């Protein structure tokens, strides 16, 4: 299991989220490809990518002399399951209760 604190810290930075978005669009990018369009040094991008790797959000594969980066969505799914999913459940349950109340026959709402 991934350390969720590390994942949250990695996701907190907009540059790292942008790198993840780019890897989601097209996996298997080199560091040079990830640097294109980011207004920072190669070294700065490399540090961001290294942090994403240590958080388990990016995996790499060597192809000859190139290192290809891929998005690993598992830690994001774990965040969804642990944090977001439980809030969705309560919202869905509330809508289900509201729907049931609205569908009750009118005679149940009348006072004696």
Protein backbone atom coordinates (compact mmCIF):
# COMPACT_ATOMS: atom_id res chain seq x y z
CA UNK A 1 0.00 0.00 0.00
CA UNK A 2 1.21 3.49 -0.85
CA UNK A 3 1.90 6.06 1.86
CA UNK A 4 -1.06 8.38 1.21
CA UNK A 5 0.63 11.34 2.92
CA UNK A 6 3.42 11.16 0.34
CA UNK A 7 0.85 10.93 -2.46
CA UNK A 8 -1.08 13.94 -1.15
CA UNK A 9 2.15 15.95 -0.90
CA UNK A 10 3.06 15.00 -4.45
CA UNK A 11 -0.39 15.97 -5.73
CA UNK A 12 -0.32 19.30 -3.88
CA UNK A 13 2.00 20.89 -6.43
CA UNK A 14 0.47 22.20 -9.69
CA UNK A 15 3.59 21.38 -11.72
CA UNK A 16 3.50 17.76 -10.61
CA UNK A 17 -0.21 17.56 -11.41
CA UNK A 18 0.57 18.93 -14.87
CA UNK A 19 3.22 16.25 -15.38
CA UNK A 20 0.69 13.61 -14.35
CA UNK A 21 -1.88 15.07 -16.75
CA UNK A 22 0.64 14.86 -19.57
CA UNK A 23 1.49 11.26 -18.71
CA UNK A 24 -2.21 10.46 -18.61
CA UNK A 25 -2.56 11.87 -22.13
CA UNK A 26 0.43 9.91 -23.38
CA UNK A 27 2.49 7.50 -21.34
CA UNK A 28 6.05 6.53 -22.09
CA UNK A 29 7.53 10.02 -22.27
CA UNK A 30 11.18 10.79 -21.73
CA UNK A 31 12.30 13.54 -19.36
CA UNK A 32 13.06 15.74 -22.38
CA UNK A 33 9.49 15.29 -23.62
CA UNK A 34 8.10 16.11 -20.18
CA UNK A 35 10.25 19.25 -20.05
CA UNK A 36 8.79 20.55 -23.31
CA UNK A 37 6.24 23.23 -22.51
CA UNK A 38 7.22 23.54 -18.85
CA UNK A 39 8.96 26.80 -18.14
CA UNK A 40 11.62 25.41 -15.84
CA UNK A 41 14.99 23.76 -16.04
CA UNK A 42 15.45 20.10 -16.83
CA UNK A 43 16.87 19.65 -13.34
CA UNK A 44 13.72 21.14 -11.74
CA UNK A 45 11.45 18.88 -13.81
CA UNK A 46 13.66 15.93 -12.90
CA UNK A 47 13.16 16.69 -9.19
CA UNK A 48 9.37 16.85 -9.64
CA UNK A 49 9.37 13.55 -11.53
CA UNK A 50 11.56 11.93 -8.87
CA UNK A 51 9.10 12.97 -6.18
CA UNK A 52 6.23 11.55 -8.24
CA UNK A 53 8.20 8.31 -8.58
CA UNK A 54 8.84 8.12 -4.82
CA UNK A 55 5.10 8.63 -4.22
CA UNK A 56 4.37 5.72 -6.55
CA UNK A 57 2.52 7.92 -9.06
CA UNK A 58 5.07 7.46 -11.85
CA UNK A 59 6.84 4.31 -12.92
CA UNK A 60 9.74 4.10 -15.33
CA UNK A 61 10.98 1.66 -17.93
CA UNK A 62 14.41 1.74 -19.51
CA UNK A 63 14.58 1.50 -23.28
CA UNK A 64 18.22 1.56 -24.24
CA UNK A 65 19.60 4.83 -22.93
CA UNK A 66 16.14 6.35 -22.51
CA UNK A 67 14.05 6.27 -19.39
CA UNK A 68 10.33 6.26 -20.20
CA UNK A 69 7.86 7.58 -17.64
CA UNK A 70 4.36 6.19 -17.15
CA UNK A 71 1.48 7.23 -14.92
CA UNK A 72 0.67 4.71 -12.19
CA UNK A 73 -2.98 5.37 -11.27
CA UNK A 74 -3.11 2.96 -8.31
CA UNK A 75 -2.28 5.54 -5.58
CA UNK A 76 -4.92 7.89 -7.01
CA UNK A 77 -7.46 5.06 -6.91
CA UNK A 78 -6.49 4.39 -3.30
CA UNK A 79 -7.20 8.05 -2.48
CA UNK A 80 -10.54 7.75 -4.20
CA UNK A 81 -11.43 4.58 -2.33
CA UNK A 82 -10.28 5.93 1.05
CA UNK A 83 -11.46 9.54 0.89
CA UNK A 84 -13.65 10.44 -2.05
CA UNK A 85 -15.66 7.24 -2.35
CA UNK A 86 -17.02 7.40 1.18
CA UNK A 87 -18.33 10.92 0.63
CA UNK A 88 -19.99 9.87 -2.60
CA UNK A 89 -21.74 7.01 -0.79
CA UNK A 90 -23.36 9.33 1.73
CA UNK A 91 -24.50 11.68 -1.03
CA UNK A 92 -26.03 8.82 -2.99
CA UNK A 93 -27.72 7.50 0.14
CA UNK A 94 -29.18 10.97 0.82
CA UNK A 95 -30.58 11.20 -2.71
CA UNK A 96 -32.03 7.70 -2.38
CA UNK A 97 -33.79 8.65 0.89
CA UNK A 98 -35.08 11.88 -0.66
CA UNK A 99 -36.40 10.03 -3.68
CA UNK A 100 -38.15 7.47 -1.46
CA UNK A 101 -39.74 10.26 0.60
CA UNK A 102 -40.95 12.06 -2.52
CA UNK A 103 -42.42 8.87 -3.96
CA UNK A 104 -44.48 8.07 -0.84
CA UNK A 105 -48.24 8.30 -1.38
CA UNK A 106 -49.77 11.64 -0.36
CA UNK A 107 -52.05 10.02 2.22
CA UNK A 108 -49.02 9.16 4.38
CA UNK A 109 -48.21 12.87 4.69
CA UNK A 110 -51.71 13.95 5.77
CA UNK A 111 -52.31 14.70 9.42
CA UNK A 112 -55.08 12.81 11.31
